[in-house]
Amino acid sequence: MPHARSGVGPRRITAAALGVVAVAVLAGTSACSTAPKTSTSAGEGSKTIQVVAAENFWGSIATQLGGSHVKVQSIITNPNTDPHSYEPTTGDGRAVASADYVITNGIGYDAWSDKLLAANPSSGRTALKVGDLLGKKAGDNPHQWYSADSVHQVIDRITADYKKIDPADAAYFDAQKQTFLTQTLAPYDQLENAVKATYAGTPIGASESIVTPLAESLGLKLITPESFLDAMSEGNDPTAADKATIDKQISGKQIKIYVFNTQNSDPDVMAQVNAAKAQGIPVAQVTETLAPAGTAFQDWQVQELQGIEDALKQAVGK
């Protein structure tokens, strides 16, 4: 199966398509969403917050913070689905229309979700757009789930929103957040801090802009031209000058490791991966969405961070 492009320019969703979604909600059609649901049972008499997350990395965090008092459905769950060009189903429309809480990424990453919300209005719904929370705008790097600081801000907001939606269970949500931060997410935070403490300033190369917030979070120096990273993310052809610069960086071993998004590869990227390996430059791998699809956010991130740490240790020798 071809790898999905991960561009910041979403494919246009037609008004007719959105109309079908909205009409299906009003008509109560029985079609089902293709996105699986992750849920746990709440105790008797307890409120269950219906949550829809546009992407499963935010859905995983929302599930763990909400515990038995939430029922979470993520729309984008297939690693081969491009979140930018996704076209919502009638089931997605019904889920959003009945949701108490909707989490979207924003920053130009999932513009279809804005249209889906508008097509299925609900006066009692709370919405979190991560980009707005972080003060990001269209054109900024949308891959903020690769920034530890951004992840922690989202954790704080989700918990605060849960408490507003269900104030009777505020103490429960505080306890869930405390457990998540001090136990569940601890290996992730520890690896982030360890890589930064040991390898800050180390020059690296990358295949696309998903690595930019990760490098910033880890204190690594990403020297691949930003115009190349953006072109790869947007599905555009890179310039000959950028490719020549990267070839020189690899052949001259100016980078210590190369970080490769395996969900977005093309001949130019694969040529760089192979050239890096030929020069003895370790290659670490990341993916855009949870891989495998059912894994938890922190397990996915820890595996990738360990791969990056191992590659840096091999390259730098410490």
Protein backbone atom coordinates (compact mmCIF):
# COMPACT_ATOMS: atom_id res chain seq x y z
CA MET A 1 0.00 0.00 0.00
CA PRO A 2 1.41 3.42 -0.90
CA HIS A 3 2.51 5.54 1.99
CA ALA A 4 0.27 8.52 2.77
CA ARG A 5 1.56 12.01 2.23
CA SER A 6 1.49 14.13 5.37
CA GLY A 7 1.05 17.62 3.99
CA VAL A 8 -0.29 20.70 5.70
CA GLY A 9 -2.66 21.42 2.81
CA PRO A 10 -5.84 19.34 3.33
CA ARG A 11 -7.81 18.06 0.37
CA ARG A 12 -10.97 20.12 -0.12
CA ILE A 13 -14.16 18.56 1.22
CA THR A 14 -17.10 19.42 -0.97
CA ALA A 15 -20.22 21.09 0.35
CA ALA A 16 -22.21 18.18 -1.02
CA ALA A 17 -20.17 15.70 0.98
CA LEU A 18 -20.65 17.66 4.17
CA GLY A 19 -24.33 17.95 3.41
CA VAL A 20 -24.56 14.17 3.25
CA VAL A 21 -22.90 13.95 6.67
CA ALA A 22 -25.27 16.49 8.20
CA VAL A 23 -28.38 14.99 6.60
CA ALA A 24 -27.38 11.53 7.73
CA VAL A 25 -27.15 12.77 11.31
CA LEU A 26 -30.59 14.34 11.18
CA ALA A 27 -32.10 11.29 9.52
CA GLY A 28 -30.60 8.92 12.08
CA THR A 29 -29.17 6.58 9.42
CA SER A 30 -27.72 3.31 10.69
CA ALA A 31 -24.37 3.49 8.87
CA CYS A 32 -21.40 3.02 11.20
CA SER A 33 -18.17 4.96 11.45
CA THR A 34 -15.05 3.14 10.35
CA ALA A 35 -13.25 4.38 13.47
CA PRO A 36 -13.19 1.93 16.38
CA LYS A 37 -14.32 3.04 19.80
CA THR A 38 -12.24 2.83 22.93
CA SER A 39 -14.23 2.90 26.13
CA THR A 40 -14.57 1.76 29.69
CA SER A 41 -17.66 1.52 31.83
CA ALA A 42 -18.57 4.19 34.33
CA GLY A 43 -20.00 3.39 37.71
CA GLU A 44 -23.73 3.42 38.36
CA GLY A 45 -25.13 6.93 38.43
CA SER A 46 -21.94 8.41 37.06
CA LYS A 47 -21.82 10.65 33.99
CA THR A 48 -20.03 9.29 30.94
CA ILE A 49 -18.57 12.03 28.76
CA GLN A 50 -18.89 11.24 25.06
CA VAL A 51 -15.58 12.25 23.44
CA VAL A 52 -14.59 12.38 19.78
CA ALA A 53 -10.94 12.95 18.84
CA ALA A 54 -10.02 13.74 15.27
CA GLU A 55 -6.73 11.80 15.62
CA ASN A 56 -5.91 8.76 17.71
CA PHE A 57 -2.81 10.20 19.37
CA TRP A 58 -4.98 12.81 21.10
CA GLY A 59 -7.70 10.19 21.57
CA SER A 60 -5.29 7.91 23.44
CA ILE A 61 -4.42 10.66 25.90
CA ALA A 62 -8.08 11.63 26.31
CA THR A 63 -9.00 8.00 27.04
CA GLN A 64 -6.38 7.62 29.75
CA LEU A 65 -7.18 10.94 31.42
CA GLY A 66 -10.90 10.20 31.46
CA GLY A 67 -10.77 6.60 32.62
CA SER A 68 -14.16 5.09 33.43
CA HIS A 69 -15.95 8.43 33.08
CA VAL A 70 -15.39 8.87 29.33
CA LYS A 71 -16.16 7.04 26.13
CA VAL A 72 -13.69 8.05 23.42
CA GLN A 73 -13.95 7.57 19.67
CA SER A 74 -11.02 8.52 17.45
CA ILE A 75 -11.72 9.25 13.79
CA ILE A 76 -8.25 8.81 12.28
CA THR A 77 -6.94 5.41 13.38
CA ASN A 78 -5.47 3.79 10.26
CA PRO A 79 -1.71 4.52 9.97
CA ASN A 80 -2.11 4.65 6.17
CA THR A 81 -4.79 7.36 6.32
CA ASP A 82 -3.61 10.89 5.61
CA PRO A 83 -5.29 13.11 8.26
CA HIS A 84 -4.94 16.16 6.00
CA SER A 85 -7.04 14.76 3.16
CA TYR A 86 -9.47 12.61 5.14
CA GLU A 87 -13.12 12.80 4.14
CA PRO A 88 -15.52 12.25 7.07
CA THR A 89 -18.19 9.58 6.97
CA THR A 90 -21.82 9.82 8.01
CA GLY A 91 -20.87 7.91 11.15
CA ASP A 92 -18.28 10.55 11.99
CA GLY A 93 -20.98 13.19 11.63
CA ARG A 94 -23.31 11.37 14.02
CA ALA A 95 -20.52 10.92 16.54
CA VAL A 96 -19.64 14.63 16.48
CA ALA A 97 -23.29 15.66 16.68
CA SER A 98 -23.82 13.63 19.85
CA ALA A 99 -20.42 14.31 21.46
CA ASP A 100 -20.01 16.23 24.71
CA TYR A 101 -16.38 16.98 23.86
CA VAL A 102 -14.49 17.11 20.55
CA ILE A 103 -10.70 17.34 20.25
CA THR A 104 -9.12 18.44 16.98
CA ASN A 105 -5.55 19.30 16.07
CA GLY A 106 -5.98 22.46 14.01
CA ILE A 107 -3.00 24.38 12.54
CA GLY A 108 -4.16 23.41 9.05
CA TYR A 109 -3.78 19.71 9.81
CA ASP A 110 -7.43 18.59 9.92
CA ALA A 111 -9.48 21.39 8.35
CA TRP A 112 -12.18 18.84 7.56
CA SER A 113 -12.93 18.66 11.30
CA ASP A 114 -13.91 22.35 11.41
CA LYS A 115 -16.40 21.75 8.61
CA LEU A 116 -17.66 18.60 10.31
CA LEU A 117 -18.32 20.54 13.52
CA ALA A 118 -20.07 23.32 11.64
CA ALA A 119 -22.25 20.83 9.74
CA ASN A 120 -23.32 19.13 12.97
CA PRO A 121 -23.94 21.90 15.54
CA SER A 122 -24.62 21.19 19.21
CA SER A 123 -25.17 23.82 21.88
CA GLY A 124 -23.94 21.54 24.66
CA ARG A 125 -20.65 20.53 23.06
CA THR A 126 -17.19 21.61 24.27
CA ALA A 127 -14.46 21.75 21.63
CA LEU A 128 -10.69 21.81 22.02
CA LYS A 129 -8.58 22.83 19.04
CA VAL A 130 -5.00 22.08 20.04
CA GLY A 131 -3.51 24.72 17.77
CA ASP A 132 -5.59 27.46 19.40
CA LEU A 133 -4.57 26.26 22.85
CA LEU A 134 -0.90 26.48 21.87
CA GLY A 135 -1.23 29.84 20.12
CA LYS A 136 -0.38 28.32 16.73
CA LYS A 137 -1.77 29.49 13.39
CA ALA A 138 -2.13 27.97 9.93
CA GLY A 139 1.34 27.74 8.43
CA ASP A 140 2.99 26.83 11.76
CA ASN A 141 4.18 23.27 12.24
CA PRO A 142 1.06 21.22 13.02
CA HIS A 143 2.81 18.15 14.45
CA GLN A 144 2.67 19.33 18.05
CA TRP A 145 2.13 15.86 19.53
CA TYR A 146 5.89 15.53 18.96
CA SER A 147 6.57 18.39 21.39
CA ALA A 148 6.64 17.33 25.04
CA ASP A 149 5.72 20.84 26.18
CA SER A 150 2.69 20.89 23.86
CA VAL A 151 1.61 17.44 25.03
CA HIS A 152 1.68 18.57 28.66
CA GLN A 153 -0.40 21.67 27.83
CA VAL A 154 -2.98 19.46 26.14
CA ILE A 155 -3.08 17.15 29.16
CA ASP A 156 -3.78 20.11 31.43
CA ARG A 157 -6.56 21.41 29.19
CA ILE A 158 -8.30 18.07 28.68
CA THR A 159 -8.44 17.52 32.43
CA ALA A 160 -9.74 21.05 33.00
CA ASP A 161 -12.41 20.55 30.33
CA TYR A 162 -13.49 17.20 31.79
CA LYS A 163 -13.94 18.90 35.16
CA LYS A 164 -16.08 21.63 33.63
CA ILE A 165 -18.24 19.15 31.73
CA ASP A 166 -18.61 16.84 34.74
CA PRO A 167 -17.83 18.86 37.90
CA ALA A 168 -19.21 16.18 40.20
CA ASP A 169 -16.28 13.94 39.22
CA ALA A 170 -13.58 16.62 39.36
CA ALA A 171 -11.58 14.78 42.04
CA TYR A 172 -11.60 11.64 39.90
CA PHE A 173 -10.17 13.52 36.90
CA ASP A 174 -7.50 15.13 39.07
CA ALA A 175 -6.48 11.67 40.28
CA GLN A 176 -6.42 10.32 36.71
CA LYS A 177 -4.16 13.17 35.63
CA GLN A 178 -1.84 12.67 38.59
CA THR A 179 -1.46 8.96 37.84
CA PHE A 180 -0.94 9.62 34.15
CA LEU A 181 1.79 12.21 34.77
CA THR A 182 3.65 10.52 37.61
CA GLN A 183 3.40 6.90 36.44
CA THR A 184 2.08 6.32 32.92
CA LEU A 185 3.88 9.16 31.16
CA ALA A 186 7.01 9.05 33.35
CA PRO A 187 9.13 6.90 30.97
CA TYR A 188 8.34 9.32 28.12
CA ASP A 189 9.35 12.37 30.16
CA GLN A 190 12.47 10.61 31.45
CA LEU A 191 13.63 9.72 27.94
CA GLU A 192 12.97 13.24 26.68
CA ASN A 193 15.07 14.67 29.49
CA ALA A 194 17.83 12.06 29.12
CA VAL A 195 18.26 12.66 25.39
CA LYS A 196 18.30 16.42 25.91
CA ALA A 197 20.82 16.21 28.75
CA THR A 198 23.22 13.98 26.83
CA TYR A 199 22.87 14.98 23.18
CA ALA A 200 21.66 18.61 23.08
CA GLY A 201 23.09 20.41 20.06
CA THR A 202 23.87 17.24 18.11
CA PRO A 203 23.30 17.86 14.37
CA ILE A 204 20.73 15.56 12.75
CA GLY A 205 18.96 15.16 9.42
CA ALA A 206 15.35 14.26 8.78
CA SER A 207 12.92 13.29 6.03
CA GLU A 208 10.15 15.80 6.75
CA SER A 209 8.80 18.48 9.07
CA ILE A 210 7.17 16.06 11.52
CA VAL A 211 10.68 15.83 13.03
CA THR A 212 11.02 19.59 13.60
CA PRO A 213 9.06 19.85 16.89
CA LEU A 214 10.63 16.58 18.04
CA ALA A 215 14.14 17.91 17.45
CA GLU A 216 13.27 21.15 19.23
CA SER A 217 11.80 19.22 22.16
CA LEU A 218 14.95 17.08 22.44
CA GLY A 219 17.36 19.98 21.97
CA LEU A 220 18.80 18.45 18.79
CA LYS A 221 20.04 20.60 15.90
CA LEU A 222 18.04 19.73 12.78
CA ILE A 223 20.11 21.02 9.84
CA THR A 224 18.07 19.65 6.92
CA PRO A 225 16.76 22.65 4.94
CA GLU A 226 13.32 23.59 6.25
CA SER A 227 12.11 24.05 2.67
CA PHE A 228 12.86 20.39 1.96
CA LEU A 229 11.11 19.24 5.14
CA ASP A 230 8.03 21.29 4.25
CA ALA A 231 7.99 20.08 0.66
CA MET A 232 8.00 16.48 1.83
CA SER A 233 5.20 17.15 4.31
CA GLU A 234 3.11 18.96 1.71
CA GLY A 235 3.64 16.38 -1.03
CA ASN A 236 5.58 18.81 -3.23
CA ASP A 237 8.75 18.23 -5.22
CA PRO A 238 11.89 19.41 -3.38
CA THR A 239 14.32 21.73 -5.11
CA ALA A 240 17.51 20.45 -6.67
CA ALA A 241 19.45 22.84 -4.42
CA ASP A 242 17.91 21.35 -1.26
CA LYS A 243 18.64 17.81 -2.42
CA ALA A 244 22.24 18.77 -3.19
CA THR A 245 22.60 20.32 0.27
CA ILE A 246 21.31 17.17 1.95
CA ASP A 247 23.54 14.94 -0.19
CA LYS A 248 26.52 17.01 0.95
CA GLN A 249 25.43 16.81 4.60
CA ILE A 250 25.22 13.03 4.36
CA SER A 251 28.38 12.42 2.32
CA GLY A 252 30.35 14.76 4.57
CA LYS A 253 28.85 13.18 7.71
CA GLN A 254 27.68 16.59 8.90
CA ILE A 255 24.72 14.86 10.54
CA LYS A 256 25.07 12.25 13.27
CA ILE A 257 21.73 10.49 12.68
CA TYR A 258 18.91 10.62 10.14
CA VAL A 259 15.29 10.47 11.35
CA PHE A 260 12.87 8.94 8.87
CA ASN A 261 9.05 9.06 8.90
CA THR A 262 8.20 5.61 7.54
CA GLN A 263 4.61 6.66 6.76
CA ASN A 264 5.80 9.21 4.21
CA SER A 265 8.49 7.97 1.84
CA ASP A 266 9.31 8.66 -1.79
CA PRO A 267 12.37 8.06 -4.01
CA ASP A 268 14.14 11.21 -2.78
CA VAL A 269 13.71 10.25 0.86
CA MET A 270 14.65 6.61 0.30
CA ALA A 271 17.79 7.75 -1.53
CA GLN A 272 18.75 9.77 1.54
CA VAL A 273 18.02 6.86 3.90
CA ASN A 274 20.18 4.53 1.81
CA ALA A 275 22.95 7.10 1.48
CA ALA A 276 22.99 7.65 5.25
CA LYS A 277 23.23 3.92 5.90
CA ALA A 278 26.04 3.63 3.34
CA GLN A 279 27.98 6.30 5.24
CA GLY A 280 27.42 4.52 8.54
CA ILE A 281 25.00 7.18 9.77
CA PRO A 282 22.37 5.54 12.03
CA VAL A 283 18.76 5.89 10.86
CA ALA A 284 15.95 6.20 13.42
CA GLN A 285 12.29 5.78 12.52
CA VAL A 286 9.12 7.65 13.49
CA THR A 287 5.52 7.52 12.30
CA GLU A 288 2.85 10.21 12.03
CA THR A 289 0.07 8.38 13.86
CA LEU A 290 -0.04 5.57 16.43
CA ALA A 291 1.74 2.48 15.14
CA PRO A 292 0.39 -0.07 15.61
CA ALA A 293 -2.97 1.69 15.62
CA GLY A 294 -4.12 0.27 18.96
CA THR A 295 -1.04 1.20 20.99
CA ALA A 296 -1.07 3.86 23.72
CA PHE A 297 0.42 7.28 23.07
CA GLN A 298 3.22 6.89 25.60
CA ASP A 299 4.22 3.39 24.46
CA TRP A 300 4.44 4.59 20.85
CA GLN A 301 6.52 7.61 21.80
CA VAL A 302 8.82 5.71 24.16
CA GLN A 303 9.64 3.18 21.46
CA GLU A 304 10.55 5.96 19.04
CA LEU A 305 12.55 7.90 21.62
CA GLN A 306 14.49 4.77 22.53
CA GLY A 307 15.29 4.28 18.85
CA ILE A 308 16.55 7.86 18.59
CA GLU A 309 18.58 7.53 21.80
CA ASP A 310 20.13 4.27 20.57
CA ALA A 311 21.00 5.86 17.22
CA LEU A 312 22.60 8.86 18.93
CA LYS A 313 24.57 6.61 21.27
CA GLN A 314 25.84 4.61 18.31
CA ALA A 315 26.82 7.78 16.45
CA VAL A 316 28.30 9.81 19.29
CA GLY A 317 29.60 6.99 21.48
CA LYS A 318 28.07 8.09 24.77
